[in-house]
Amino acid sequence: MNLDGTTATQTIRRARFRAPPPAVADMLLSLSEYQPAPDWPRDCRALADHVADAGPFAIILFSEPLSPEHWRRRSHTVMRRIELDSELDETVCRCFDPELNTRMAEWLRDHRDPGDVHLRGLVREYYPQARAILRAEYQERYPRAWKRRWAERGYLRPRCKVECRRRYDLPPPLGLWGTDVPQQFYFMRRSGTYERGCSTSSGSREVHSYFGLAFLELMRRGVSIPCHILVYDKHNQLLLADTLPSFALHAGAMGSNCAEPQDTVQTLMHSARTVRVIEDDDGSGILEVQVTAPRTMEINDRNHKSRTLRVRPYP
């Protein structure tokens, strides 16, 4: 945050978060009809030309960590049973994986292995060595009971574990990725397409950079791009923090994984309205959303009436 009077900050406190009003709720339900955008130009200004008449709008989605009291509730979580290899097979892979992969690659040059029959045979060749390694680990892990545990031969049996994941009861595509990392969605209403930007992978960072810069370019051209700021709270409730009449950006990873010149990125970001959240000290919840814009850009309150804002330093 600049302190020289060139930027201004609008604060949306948690008390203003609310259930989406009917118009926004209807829009969210319609998102399930959108499909990922087909091939698009890897040039932000060409991309801006590409989507200029497509009725663009954006959604920024923040998520709070699930509250601890909900982790044992099926209404808030999804339980999944995962099959695991036996301890012996796991030891083979852990200790002999490079050698095993080399031998398997040589075999596949001239053969096929439907059903992994040859692979399972190779794994069994390493059983004697893996047993010796695992036996020594049992002696260290269970110094008083290793003989009994080893005699039970449990290390030969396949295992399973139950994984508990948070339930994301969000309209698609908002809930498809199941992450608490901030996400920004770019929608093209007339073409019924969308893209998702995030910092979790190189592909999502690329999307965020190109579409974020393209939407900023459209904003510079005077194209109206509404932006909805949503919060998926600690109780799995979707709340609307605010709807901004013009485009705003979550700036994380902006400009990475793209071929745009840095001067282009800096020029467009100089006029960007950016959004971030302020969390509790322990990171368990969101206290407020801050929208920061250049002083020359109008910042609107929830009734979209202009107001004068004093500059506030970031904590």
Protein backbone atom coordinates (compact mmCIF):
# COMPACT_ATOMS: atom_id res chain seq x y z
CA MET A 1 0.00 0.00 0.00
CA ASN A 2 1.42 3.39 -1.00
CA LEU A 3 1.33 6.08 1.64
CA ASP A 4 1.94 9.01 -0.72
CA GLY A 5 -1.70 9.66 -1.56
CA THR A 6 -1.65 7.79 -4.86
CA THR A 7 -3.90 4.94 -3.67
CA ALA A 8 -7.03 4.57 -1.58
CA THR A 9 -8.45 1.57 0.25
CA GLN A 10 -12.04 0.47 0.76
CA THR A 11 -12.52 -1.87 3.73
CA ILE A 12 -15.34 -4.41 3.69
CA ARG A 13 -15.68 -5.67 7.24
CA ARG A 14 -16.97 -9.12 8.07
CA ALA A 15 -20.24 -7.74 9.45
CA ARG A 16 -21.13 -6.78 5.87
CA PHE A 17 -20.65 -10.30 4.49
CA ARG A 18 -24.07 -11.72 3.66
CA ALA A 19 -25.86 -14.49 1.82
CA PRO A 20 -25.90 -13.74 -1.92
CA PRO A 21 -29.02 -11.74 -2.86
CA PRO A 22 -31.43 -13.31 -5.39
CA ALA A 23 -29.80 -11.79 -8.48
CA VAL A 24 -26.33 -13.02 -7.47
CA ALA A 25 -27.70 -16.40 -6.35
CA ASP A 26 -29.32 -16.90 -9.76
CA MET A 27 -26.06 -15.96 -11.47
CA LEU A 28 -24.14 -18.50 -9.34
CA LEU A 29 -26.59 -21.27 -10.25
CA SER A 30 -26.14 -20.49 -13.95
CA LEU A 31 -22.36 -21.04 -13.74
CA SER A 32 -22.80 -24.80 -14.05
CA GLU A 33 -23.61 -24.25 -17.74
CA TYR A 34 -20.23 -22.65 -18.47
CA GLN A 35 -17.45 -24.66 -20.10
CA PRO A 36 -13.67 -24.12 -20.03
CA ALA A 37 -12.58 -21.68 -22.69
CA PRO A 38 -11.14 -23.31 -25.85
CA ASP A 39 -7.83 -22.18 -27.33
CA TRP A 40 -7.11 -18.55 -26.55
CA PRO A 41 -4.19 -16.27 -27.59
CA ARG A 42 -1.16 -16.12 -25.28
CA ASP A 43 -0.97 -12.35 -25.59
CA CYS A 44 -2.91 -10.17 -23.16
CA ARG A 45 -3.95 -7.50 -25.67
CA ALA A 46 -4.93 -10.05 -28.30
CA LEU A 47 -6.84 -11.90 -25.59
CA ALA A 48 -8.57 -8.65 -24.63
CA ASP A 49 -9.69 -8.26 -28.26
CA HIS A 50 -10.83 -11.89 -28.19
CA VAL A 51 -13.15 -11.51 -25.18
CA ALA A 52 -14.11 -7.83 -25.44
CA ASP A 53 -17.62 -8.54 -26.77
CA ALA A 54 -18.18 -11.73 -24.76
CA GLY A 55 -19.78 -10.07 -21.74
CA PRO A 56 -16.88 -10.58 -19.31
CA PHE A 57 -17.31 -10.67 -15.54
CA ALA A 58 -15.17 -11.99 -12.70
CA ILE A 59 -15.45 -13.77 -9.37
CA ILE A 60 -12.84 -13.75 -6.63
CA LEU A 61 -13.27 -16.60 -4.14
CA PHE A 62 -11.62 -16.61 -0.72
CA SER A 63 -11.96 -19.57 1.67
CA GLU A 64 -11.55 -19.78 5.42
CA PRO A 65 -10.19 -23.00 6.98
CA LEU A 66 -12.96 -25.33 8.06
CA SER A 67 -13.83 -24.85 11.73
CA PRO A 68 -12.48 -27.76 13.88
CA GLU A 69 -15.91 -28.76 15.20
CA HIS A 70 -17.02 -29.71 11.67
CA TRP A 71 -14.25 -32.18 10.80
CA ARG A 72 -16.23 -35.19 12.09
CA ARG A 73 -19.49 -34.13 10.47
CA ARG A 74 -20.43 -35.75 7.17
CA SER A 75 -22.44 -32.63 6.33
CA HIS A 76 -19.16 -30.71 6.13
CA THR A 77 -16.64 -33.36 5.06
CA VAL A 78 -16.23 -36.23 2.61
CA MET A 79 -14.80 -39.54 3.84
CA ARG A 80 -12.90 -41.62 1.30
CA ARG A 81 -11.40 -45.11 1.65
CA ILE A 82 -8.01 -45.40 -0.07
CA GLU A 83 -6.42 -48.76 -0.91
CA LEU A 84 -2.68 -49.02 -0.19
CA ASP A 85 0.02 -51.52 -1.12
CA SER A 86 1.34 -53.93 1.48
CA GLU A 87 4.28 -52.82 3.57
CA LEU A 88 6.48 -55.24 1.64
CA ASP A 89 5.50 -53.82 -1.77
CA GLU A 90 5.91 -50.31 -0.40
CA THR A 91 9.43 -51.19 0.79
CA VAL A 92 10.33 -52.49 -2.68
CA CYS A 93 9.18 -49.23 -4.28
CA ARG A 94 10.82 -47.08 -1.62
CA CYS A 95 14.22 -48.77 -1.80
CA PHE A 96 14.49 -50.08 -5.37
CA ASP A 97 12.30 -47.75 -7.44
CA PRO A 98 15.04 -46.35 -9.77
CA GLU A 99 16.37 -49.82 -10.59
CA LEU A 100 12.86 -51.19 -11.01
CA ASN A 101 11.88 -48.36 -13.36
CA THR A 102 15.02 -48.88 -15.47
CA ARG A 103 14.34 -52.60 -15.90
CA MET A 104 10.67 -51.97 -16.69
CA ALA A 105 11.56 -49.33 -19.30
CA GLU A 106 13.91 -51.77 -21.03
CA TRP A 107 11.16 -54.39 -21.16
CA LEU A 108 8.61 -51.98 -22.59
CA ARG A 109 10.85 -51.09 -25.53
CA ASP A 110 10.00 -54.43 -27.14
CA HIS A 111 6.97 -55.66 -25.17
CA ARG A 112 3.64 -54.65 -23.77
CA ASP A 113 2.50 -55.44 -20.24
CA PRO A 114 -1.30 -55.63 -20.05
CA GLY A 115 -2.45 -56.08 -16.49
CA ASP A 116 1.06 -55.25 -15.14
CA VAL A 117 1.92 -58.97 -15.10
CA HIS A 118 5.61 -58.43 -15.87
CA LEU A 119 5.83 -55.52 -13.41
CA ARG A 120 4.45 -57.62 -10.56
CA GLY A 121 6.99 -60.34 -11.39
CA LEU A 122 9.84 -57.82 -11.18
CA VAL A 123 8.55 -56.54 -7.84
CA ARG A 124 8.54 -60.09 -6.43
CA GLU A 125 12.21 -60.51 -7.38
CA TYR A 126 13.07 -57.84 -4.82
CA TYR A 127 11.05 -59.42 -1.99
CA PRO A 128 14.04 -61.14 -0.26
CA GLN A 129 16.00 -57.87 -0.05
CA ALA A 130 12.90 -55.90 0.96
CA ARG A 131 12.09 -58.45 3.72
CA ALA A 132 15.56 -58.01 5.22
CA ILE A 133 15.18 -54.21 5.20
CA LEU A 134 11.67 -54.35 6.65
CA ARG A 135 12.66 -56.85 9.35
CA ALA A 136 15.42 -54.51 10.54
CA GLU A 137 12.93 -51.62 10.57
CA TYR A 138 10.49 -53.70 12.65
CA GLN A 139 13.24 -54.40 15.20
CA GLU A 140 13.87 -50.68 15.55
CA ARG A 141 10.22 -49.64 15.44
CA TYR A 142 8.87 -52.30 17.86
CA PRO A 143 11.84 -53.29 20.08
CA ARG A 144 9.71 -55.34 22.50
CA ALA A 145 7.11 -56.75 20.14
CA TRP A 146 8.80 -57.07 16.76
CA LYS A 147 8.96 -60.88 16.80
CA ARG A 148 5.23 -61.20 17.41
CA ARG A 149 4.38 -58.56 14.79
CA TRP A 150 6.72 -60.14 12.26
CA ALA A 151 5.24 -63.60 12.86
CA GLU A 152 1.75 -62.22 12.17
CA ARG A 153 2.93 -61.48 8.60
CA GLY A 154 0.76 -58.37 8.40
CA TYR A 155 3.37 -56.79 6.17
CA LEU A 156 2.15 -59.04 3.33
CA ARG A 157 -1.46 -57.82 3.39
CA PRO A 158 -2.80 -54.84 1.39
CA ARG A 159 -3.74 -51.91 3.58
CA CYS A 160 -6.23 -49.08 3.49
CA LYS A 161 -6.72 -45.70 5.08
CA VAL A 162 -9.68 -43.37 5.44
CA GLU A 163 -9.10 -39.83 4.22
CA CYS A 164 -11.25 -36.96 5.43
CA ARG A 165 -11.57 -33.97 3.12
CA ARG A 166 -13.53 -30.79 3.38
CA ARG A 167 -16.80 -30.72 1.47
CA TYR A 168 -17.03 -27.86 -1.02
CA ASP A 169 -20.74 -27.31 -1.56
CA LEU A 170 -20.26 -24.65 -4.18
CA PRO A 171 -21.89 -24.29 -7.59
CA PRO A 172 -19.60 -25.61 -10.32
CA PRO A 173 -17.10 -24.60 -11.43
CA LEU A 174 -16.31 -22.78 -8.16
CA GLY A 175 -16.01 -25.95 -6.09
CA LEU A 176 -14.25 -28.24 -8.57
CA TRP A 177 -10.73 -27.72 -7.22
CA GLY A 178 -11.29 -28.00 -3.46
CA THR A 179 -8.64 -25.58 -2.27
CA ASP A 180 -8.48 -22.88 0.38
CA VAL A 181 -6.05 -20.83 -1.75
CA PRO A 182 -7.60 -17.65 -3.24
CA GLN A 183 -9.01 -18.24 -6.71
CA GLN A 184 -10.12 -15.88 -9.45
CA PHE A 185 -12.58 -16.93 -12.14
CA TYR A 186 -12.90 -15.18 -15.49
CA PHE A 187 -16.29 -15.66 -17.15
CA MET A 188 -17.43 -14.80 -20.67
CA ARG A 189 -21.21 -14.67 -20.51
CA ARG A 190 -22.07 -14.59 -24.22
CA SER A 191 -19.78 -17.50 -25.12
CA GLY A 192 -20.66 -19.48 -21.97
CA THR A 193 -16.98 -20.07 -21.17
CA TYR A 194 -14.64 -19.48 -18.25
CA GLU A 195 -11.07 -19.84 -17.02
CA ARG A 196 -9.67 -20.12 -13.49
CA GLY A 197 -6.58 -18.41 -12.14
CA CYS A 198 -4.78 -19.46 -8.98
CA SER A 199 -1.27 -19.87 -7.58
CA THR A 200 -1.39 -23.65 -7.10
CA SER A 201 0.07 -24.74 -10.45
CA SER A 202 1.98 -23.37 -13.42
CA GLY A 203 -1.11 -23.72 -15.63
CA SER A 204 -3.39 -21.80 -13.27
CA ARG A 205 -0.72 -19.10 -12.81
CA GLU A 206 -0.49 -18.75 -16.59
CA VAL A 207 -4.27 -18.35 -16.85
CA HIS A 208 -4.33 -15.82 -14.02
CA SER A 209 -1.60 -13.72 -15.63
CA TYR A 210 -3.01 -13.64 -19.18
CA PHE A 211 -6.69 -13.24 -18.28
CA GLY A 212 -5.98 -10.83 -15.42
CA LEU A 213 -3.91 -8.59 -17.68
CA ALA A 214 -6.42 -8.91 -20.53
CA PHE A 215 -9.29 -7.87 -18.22
CA LEU A 216 -7.18 -4.92 -16.99
CA GLU A 217 -6.63 -3.91 -20.61
CA LEU A 218 -10.39 -4.04 -21.22
CA MET A 219 -10.96 -1.90 -18.14
CA ARG A 220 -8.52 0.68 -19.55
CA ARG A 221 -10.61 0.69 -22.73
CA GLY A 222 -13.72 1.46 -20.70
CA VAL A 223 -15.34 -1.99 -20.81
CA SER A 224 -17.54 -2.63 -17.77
CA ILE A 225 -16.51 -5.86 -16.00
CA PRO A 226 -18.45 -6.55 -12.76
CA CYS A 227 -16.52 -8.39 -10.06
CA HIS A 228 -18.12 -10.42 -7.27
CA ILE A 229 -16.07 -11.05 -4.12
CA LEU A 230 -17.15 -14.26 -2.38
CA VAL A 231 -16.08 -15.88 0.89
CA TYR A 232 -16.57 -19.59 1.64
CA ASP A 233 -16.61 -19.38 5.41
CA LYS A 234 -15.46 -21.75 8.15
CA HIS A 235 -18.97 -23.27 8.36
CA ASN A 236 -19.15 -24.07 4.63
CA GLN A 237 -21.47 -21.16 3.92
CA LEU A 238 -20.97 -19.10 0.78
CA LEU A 239 -21.13 -15.37 1.52
CA LEU A 240 -20.98 -12.29 -0.67
CA ALA A 241 -18.54 -9.66 0.55
CA ASP A 242 -19.40 -7.19 -2.21
CA THR A 243 -20.10 -6.76 -5.90
CA LEU A 244 -17.86 -4.18 -7.52
CA PRO A 245 -19.13 -2.48 -10.69
CA SER A 246 -15.72 -2.69 -12.38
CA PHE A 247 -12.93 -5.23 -12.50
CA ALA A 248 -10.75 -6.04 -9.49
CA LEU A 249 -7.89 -8.47 -9.20
CA HIS A 250 -6.34 -10.76 -6.63
CA ALA A 251 -2.76 -9.93 -7.49
CA GLY A 252 -1.03 -13.10 -6.24
CA ALA A 253 1.30 -14.61 -8.89
CA MET A 254 0.27 -11.96 -11.42
CA GLY A 255 2.73 -11.84 -14.32
CA SER A 256 4.25 -15.26 -13.67
CA ASN A 257 4.25 -18.15 -16.16
CA CYS A 258 3.53 -15.84 -19.07
CA ALA A 259 5.60 -14.26 -21.83
CA GLU A 260 4.33 -10.70 -21.40
CA PRO A 261 7.11 -8.07 -21.10
CA GLN A 262 7.54 -6.74 -17.60
CA ASP A 263 6.85 -3.18 -18.71
CA THR A 264 3.45 -4.32 -20.02
CA VAL A 265 2.68 -6.06 -16.73
CA GLN A 266 3.76 -3.03 -14.69
CA THR A 267 1.82 -0.59 -16.86
CA LEU A 268 -1.41 -2.54 -16.54
CA MET A 269 -0.93 -3.30 -12.83
CA HIS A 270 -0.34 0.40 -12.15
CA SER A 271 -4.03 1.05 -12.85
CA ALA A 272 -5.33 -2.15 -11.21
CA ARG A 273 -7.85 -2.34 -8.41
CA THR A 274 -6.57 -5.15 -6.16
CA VAL A 275 -8.28 -7.24 -3.50
CA ARG A 276 -6.84 -8.96 -0.45
CA VAL A 277 -8.09 -10.27 2.89
CA ILE A 278 -6.99 -9.57 6.47
CA GLU A 279 -7.20 -12.68 8.67
CA ASP A 280 -7.33 -13.42 12.38
CA ASP A 281 -3.95 -13.71 14.09
CA ASP A 282 -4.26 -17.52 14.02
CA GLY A 283 -5.42 -17.61 10.39
CA SER A 284 -8.74 -19.21 11.31
CA GLY A 285 -11.01 -16.59 9.78
CA ILE A 286 -11.27 -13.48 7.62
CA LEU A 287 -11.72 -10.18 9.43
CA GLU A 288 -12.14 -7.97 6.39
CA VAL A 289 -11.62 -7.61 2.67
CA GLN A 290 -9.57 -4.67 1.40
CA VAL A 291 -10.01 -3.21 -2.08
CA THR A 292 -7.14 -0.92 -3.08
CA ALA A 293 -7.21 1.30 -6.15
CA PRO A 294 -5.23 4.21 -7.62
CA ARG A 295 -6.45 7.52 -6.23
CA THR A 296 -7.54 8.50 -9.75
CA MET A 297 -9.88 5.52 -9.89
CA GLU A 298 -13.28 5.73 -8.25
CA ILE A 299 -13.89 3.26 -5.40
CA ASN A 300 -17.52 2.52 -4.67
CA ASP A 301 -19.31 1.42 -1.56
CA ARG A 302 -21.90 -1.34 -1.61
CA ASN A 303 -24.56 1.03 -2.90
CA HIS A 304 -22.07 2.05 -5.63
CA LYS A 305 -22.12 5.73 -4.60
CA SER A 306 -18.81 7.53 -4.74
CA ARG A 307 -17.18 8.40 -1.45
CA THR A 308 -13.85 9.84 -0.35
CA LEU A 309 -11.52 7.36 1.33
CA ARG A 310 -8.47 8.13 3.39
CA VAL A 311 -5.33 6.12 2.71
CA ARG A 312 -4.76 3.34 5.24
CA PRO A 313 -1.43 1.58 5.67
CA TYR A 314 -1.33 -2.18 5.55
CA PRO A 315 -0.74 -3.71 8.99
